[in-house]
């Protein structure tokens, strides 16, 4: 390629590269103060739930200076890599956990040949508790058509990754009826708050003072997510990443 062709190719690549604004906050109305391209040195700090698009806190290094800001969506390579790494960590945390396969099998066997209501053992029973902010909540009070229940432990980075990997799917489907709740196996609420200090989730977190982790056979250290239908039947367990997203979408599309 001639020098002129190389220059032209780089110019065209720059023009078609997805440029995104670096904002002062996560709100779409937050003013941008810089433009970010795929070629920039960008480090993703955390994902933040709340809006229609997942917001990512990032550090942009330019001219030897680090600048912190926020980008929306997964359009930049650095953000895509961050999401894939979170999903990979969540998937690896499930390896070797056969108890969830047994739980799903038990749920399937509890359905009668005529398709009637599953056995009570396959239903996640309603409960009420105060979340880590002090609000009184209940499983039934969450509403929604599909609910994600994630057991995790503040002392396990793998389980925290599993929890935070749900941010994109919750943001994508919350307006379609998806709800979520996290259950920390550590009964000390301050430990849960400290573990999530740099992660902003858009759904409630409670601590397990009622033995729910043991009751449902959850491995909180690995981080495990149950998917409940509108009647709170456990329809899937141990899914993550694209498999979890596919199951959520499938359930929300049912009449």
Protein backbone atom coordinates (compact mmCIF):
# COMPACT_ATOMS: atom_id res chain seq x y z
CA UNK A 1 0.00 0.00 0.00
CA UNK A 2 1.32 3.47 -0.87
CA UNK A 3 1.82 6.06 1.87
CA UNK A 4 -1.12 8.03 0.48
CA UNK A 5 -3.29 4.90 0.55
CA UNK A 6 -2.29 4.19 4.14
CA UNK A 7 -3.14 7.72 5.20
CA UNK A 8 -6.47 7.52 3.37
CA UNK A 9 -7.26 4.18 5.00
CA UNK A 10 -6.53 5.52 8.46
CA UNK A 11 -8.65 8.58 7.79
CA UNK A 12 -11.59 6.48 6.63
CA UNK A 13 -11.22 4.19 9.63
CA UNK A 14 -11.28 7.17 11.94
CA UNK A 15 -14.39 8.56 10.31
CA UNK A 16 -16.36 5.32 10.59
CA UNK A 17 -15.08 4.40 14.07
CA UNK A 18 -17.82 4.59 16.71
CA UNK A 19 -17.08 7.78 18.64
CA UNK A 20 -18.84 8.12 21.99
CA UNK A 21 -19.13 11.07 24.35
CA UNK A 22 -17.37 10.90 27.70
CA UNK A 23 -19.91 12.32 30.14
CA UNK A 24 -19.80 13.85 33.59
CA UNK A 25 -22.48 11.42 34.80
CA UNK A 26 -24.65 8.47 33.83
CA UNK A 27 -27.75 10.42 32.90
CA UNK A 28 -28.29 10.94 29.17
CA UNK A 29 -28.57 14.63 29.95
CA UNK A 30 -25.15 14.74 31.58
CA UNK A 31 -22.96 17.04 29.47
CA UNK A 32 -20.09 15.43 27.53
CA UNK A 33 -16.62 16.88 28.03
CA UNK A 34 -14.62 14.69 25.62
CA UNK A 35 -15.04 12.25 22.72
CA UNK A 36 -13.79 8.66 23.01
CA UNK A 37 -12.78 6.45 20.07
CA UNK A 38 -11.86 2.74 19.94
CA UNK A 39 -8.20 3.75 19.60
CA UNK A 40 -8.14 5.57 22.95
CA UNK A 41 -6.46 4.13 26.05
CA UNK A 42 -9.57 3.35 28.08
CA UNK A 43 -9.93 1.39 31.31
CA UNK A 44 -13.38 0.37 32.57
CA UNK A 45 -13.78 0.70 36.33
CA UNK A 46 -17.33 -0.53 36.92
CA UNK A 47 -20.78 -1.02 35.44
CA UNK A 48 -23.68 0.97 36.84
CA UNK A 49 -27.32 -0.07 36.51
CA UNK A 50 -30.22 2.33 36.41
CA UNK A 51 -31.01 3.72 32.95
CA UNK A 52 -32.16 2.14 29.72
CA UNK A 53 -28.50 1.62 28.82
CA UNK A 54 -25.85 0.29 31.15
CA UNK A 55 -23.52 3.07 32.25
CA UNK A 56 -19.80 2.41 32.64
CA UNK A 57 -17.39 4.40 34.75
CA UNK A 58 -14.15 4.63 32.79
CA UNK A 59 -10.70 6.17 33.01
CA UNK A 60 -9.42 7.76 29.80
CA UNK A 61 -5.67 8.21 29.54
CA UNK A 62 -4.72 10.91 27.09
CA UNK A 63 -1.47 12.85 26.84
CA UNK A 64 -0.25 11.15 30.02
CA UNK A 65 -3.24 12.36 32.05
CA UNK A 66 -6.00 10.15 33.51
CA UNK A 67 -9.54 11.50 33.29
CA UNK A 68 -12.55 9.77 34.86
CA UNK A 69 -15.93 9.88 33.15
CA UNK A 70 -18.92 7.82 32.03
CA UNK A 71 -20.01 6.19 28.76
CA UNK A 72 -23.36 4.60 27.91
CA UNK A 73 -23.76 1.21 26.23
CA UNK A 74 -21.29 -1.39 25.02
CA UNK A 75 -20.12 0.24 21.78
CA UNK A 76 -16.44 0.65 22.68
CA UNK A 77 -14.00 -2.30 22.52
CA UNK A 78 -12.76 -1.70 26.08
CA UNK A 79 -16.33 -1.91 27.38
CA UNK A 80 -17.06 -5.05 25.35
CA UNK A 81 -13.92 -6.67 26.77
CA UNK A 82 -14.97 -5.69 30.30
CA UNK A 83 -18.42 -7.27 29.82
CA UNK A 84 -16.94 -10.48 28.35
CA UNK A 85 -14.49 -10.80 31.24
CA UNK A 86 -17.29 -10.38 33.78
CA UNK A 87 -19.38 -12.99 31.99
CA UNK A 88 -16.42 -15.37 31.72
CA UNK A 89 -15.76 -15.03 35.45
CA UNK A 90 -19.42 -15.70 36.18
CA UNK A 91 -19.45 -18.80 33.96
CA UNK A 92 -16.26 -20.23 35.46
CA UNK A 93 -17.68 -19.86 38.96
CA UNK A 94 -20.32 -22.45 38.07
CA UNK A 95 -17.95 -25.17 36.91
CA UNK A 96 -18.33 -28.35 38.91
CA UNK A 97 -21.57 -27.32 40.61
CA UNK A 98 -23.70 -30.37 39.91
CA UNK A 99 -26.18 -29.54 42.66
CA UNK A 100 -27.87 -27.06 40.33
CA UNK A 101 -28.37 -29.70 37.67
CA UNK A 102 -30.03 -31.85 40.32
CA UNK A 103 -32.24 -28.94 41.38
CA UNK A 104 -33.43 -28.35 37.81
CA UNK A 105 -33.99 -32.09 37.33
CA UNK A 106 -36.02 -32.20 40.53
CA UNK A 107 -38.12 -29.30 39.32
CA UNK A 108 -38.73 -30.99 35.98
CA UNK A 109 -39.79 -34.26 37.64
CA UNK A 110 -42.23 -32.39 39.88
CA UNK A 111 -44.36 -31.39 36.88
CA UNK A 112 -47.16 -33.86 36.27
CA UNK A 113 -47.70 -35.43 32.80
CA UNK A 114 -50.65 -33.09 32.35
CA UNK A 115 -48.48 -30.04 32.99
CA UNK A 116 -50.16 -29.10 36.27
CA UNK A 117 -48.61 -27.02 39.03
CA UNK A 118 -45.12 -28.14 40.12
CA UNK A 119 -44.43 -29.58 43.54
CA UNK A 120 -44.01 -26.97 46.31
CA UNK A 121 -40.31 -27.89 46.53
CA UNK A 122 -39.83 -26.22 43.14
CA UNK A 123 -41.36 -22.93 44.27
CA UNK A 124 -39.32 -20.16 45.82
CA UNK A 125 -41.44 -19.21 48.80
CA UNK A 126 -42.30 -15.60 49.51
CA UNK A 127 -40.29 -13.77 52.17
CA UNK A 128 -39.92 -10.29 53.58
CA UNK A 129 -36.81 -8.55 54.83
CA UNK A 130 -35.04 -5.21 54.99
CA UNK A 131 -32.51 -4.54 52.27
CA UNK A 132 -29.06 -3.06 52.85
CA UNK A 133 -30.52 0.46 52.65
CA UNK A 134 -33.09 -0.29 55.35
CA UNK A 135 -36.13 -0.55 53.07
CA UNK A 136 -38.71 -3.22 53.79
CA UNK A 137 -39.17 -5.49 50.76
CA UNK A 138 -40.67 -8.87 49.88
CA UNK A 139 -40.31 -11.25 46.98
CA UNK A 140 -43.97 -10.83 46.02
CA UNK A 141 -43.63 -7.06 46.32
CA UNK A 142 -41.05 -6.96 43.53
CA UNK A 143 -43.76 -7.72 40.98
CA UNK A 144 -42.61 -8.48 37.48
CA UNK A 145 -42.99 -11.50 35.23
CA UNK A 146 -39.52 -12.98 35.73
CA UNK A 147 -37.25 -12.67 38.77
CA UNK A 148 -33.54 -13.34 39.18
CA UNK A 149 -32.49 -14.41 42.67
CA UNK A 150 -28.73 -14.40 43.16
CA UNK A 151 -27.03 -15.95 46.18
CA UNK A 152 -23.58 -14.51 46.78
CA UNK A 153 -20.93 -13.92 49.43
CA UNK A 154 -19.16 -10.62 50.19
CA UNK A 155 -15.93 -12.56 50.78
CA UNK A 156 -15.94 -14.14 47.32
CA UNK A 157 -14.85 -12.02 44.31
CA UNK A 158 -16.24 -14.70 41.98
CA UNK A 159 -19.74 -14.37 43.41
CA UNK A 160 -19.52 -10.56 43.25
CA UNK A 161 -18.61 -10.91 39.56
CA UNK A 162 -21.64 -13.15 39.05
CA UNK A 163 -23.86 -10.54 40.67
CA UNK A 164 -22.49 -7.59 38.71
CA UNK A 165 -22.54 -9.53 35.42
CA UNK A 166 -26.35 -9.31 35.58
CA UNK A 167 -26.36 -5.51 35.16
CA UNK A 168 -26.68 -5.49 31.35
CA UNK A 169 -29.50 -8.06 31.23
CA UNK A 170 -31.43 -6.34 34.04
CA UNK A 171 -31.10 -2.99 32.29
CA UNK A 172 -32.19 -4.51 28.98
CA UNK A 173 -35.30 -6.29 30.23
CA UNK A 174 -36.46 -4.41 33.32
CA UNK A 175 -39.07 -2.50 31.31
CA UNK A 176 -40.37 -5.82 29.98
CA UNK A 177 -41.04 -7.21 33.45
CA UNK A 178 -37.68 -8.50 34.71
CA UNK A 179 -36.92 -8.06 38.41
CA UNK A 180 -33.91 -9.07 40.50
CA UNK A 181 -32.81 -9.47 44.09
CA UNK A 182 -29.50 -10.42 45.66
CA UNK A 183 -29.15 -12.50 48.83
CA UNK A 184 -25.87 -12.25 50.72
CA UNK A 185 -25.05 -15.39 52.71
CA UNK A 186 -23.24 -13.20 55.24
CA UNK A 187 -25.82 -11.96 57.81
CA UNK A 188 -23.76 -8.81 58.43
CA UNK A 189 -25.23 -6.09 56.21
CA UNK A 190 -22.11 -3.90 56.45
CA UNK A 191 -20.05 -6.64 54.78
CA UNK A 192 -22.41 -6.67 51.80
CA UNK A 193 -22.29 -2.87 51.53
CA UNK A 194 -18.49 -2.86 51.63
CA UNK A 195 -18.23 -5.58 48.97
CA UNK A 196 -20.41 -3.55 46.60
CA UNK A 197 -18.78 -0.22 47.40
CA UNK A 198 -17.56 0.31 43.81
CA UNK A 199 -20.52 -1.38 42.11
CA UNK A 200 -23.88 0.34 41.62
CA UNK A 201 -26.72 -2.15 41.23
CA UNK A 202 -30.26 -1.19 40.37
CA UNK A 203 -31.95 -3.90 42.45
CA UNK A 204 -32.23 -4.66 46.19
CA UNK A 205 -29.75 -6.68 48.23
CA UNK A 206 -30.68 -8.43 51.46
CA UNK A 207 -28.66 -10.48 53.94
CA UNK A 208 -29.65 -14.04 54.73
CA UNK A 209 -30.90 -14.26 58.29
CA UNK A 210 -33.62 -16.80 57.49
CA UNK A 211 -31.51 -19.70 56.20
CA UNK A 212 -32.49 -19.24 52.54
CA UNK A 213 -29.02 -20.17 51.27
CA UNK A 214 -29.15 -23.54 53.02
CA UNK A 215 -32.83 -24.09 52.23
CA UNK A 216 -32.27 -23.83 48.47
CA UNK A 217 -28.88 -25.56 48.48
CA UNK A 218 -27.09 -22.52 47.09
CA UNK A 219 -23.33 -22.18 46.83
CA UNK A 220 -23.02 -18.52 47.69
CA UNK A 221 -19.23 -18.62 47.50
CA UNK A 222 -19.41 -19.39 43.78
CA UNK A 223 -22.39 -17.13 43.20
CA UNK A 224 -25.56 -18.76 41.90
CA UNK A 225 -28.62 -17.31 40.20
CA UNK A 226 -32.09 -18.82 40.13
CA UNK A 227 -34.61 -17.75 37.49
CA UNK A 228 -38.21 -17.60 38.71
CA UNK A 229 -41.33 -17.29 36.61
CA UNK A 230 -44.29 -15.07 37.51
CA UNK A 231 -45.55 -17.64 40.02
CA UNK A 232 -42.06 -17.93 41.54
CA UNK A 233 -41.48 -21.46 40.27
CA UNK A 234 -37.76 -22.16 39.83
CA UNK A 235 -37.49 -22.67 36.08
CA UNK A 236 -33.69 -22.51 35.73
CA UNK A 237 -30.63 -22.47 37.97
CA UNK A 238 -26.92 -21.96 37.43
CA UNK A 239 -27.18 -20.11 34.12
CA UNK A 240 -25.05 -17.08 33.29
CA UNK A 241 -24.02 -14.91 30.36
CA UNK A 242 -25.82 -15.50 27.05
CA UNK A 243 -27.62 -18.62 28.36
CA UNK A 244 -29.20 -16.64 31.18
CA UNK A 245 -30.15 -13.79 28.83
CA UNK A 246 -31.72 -16.27 26.38
CA UNK A 247 -33.80 -17.90 29.14
CA UNK A 248 -35.00 -14.54 30.45
CA UNK A 249 -35.99 -13.42 26.96
CA UNK A 250 -37.78 -16.72 26.34
CA UNK A 251 -39.82 -16.42 29.55
CA UNK A 252 -40.73 -12.78 28.93
CA UNK A 253 -41.99 -13.66 25.45
CA UNK A 254 -44.45 -16.22 26.82
CA UNK A 255 -48.05 -15.04 27.02
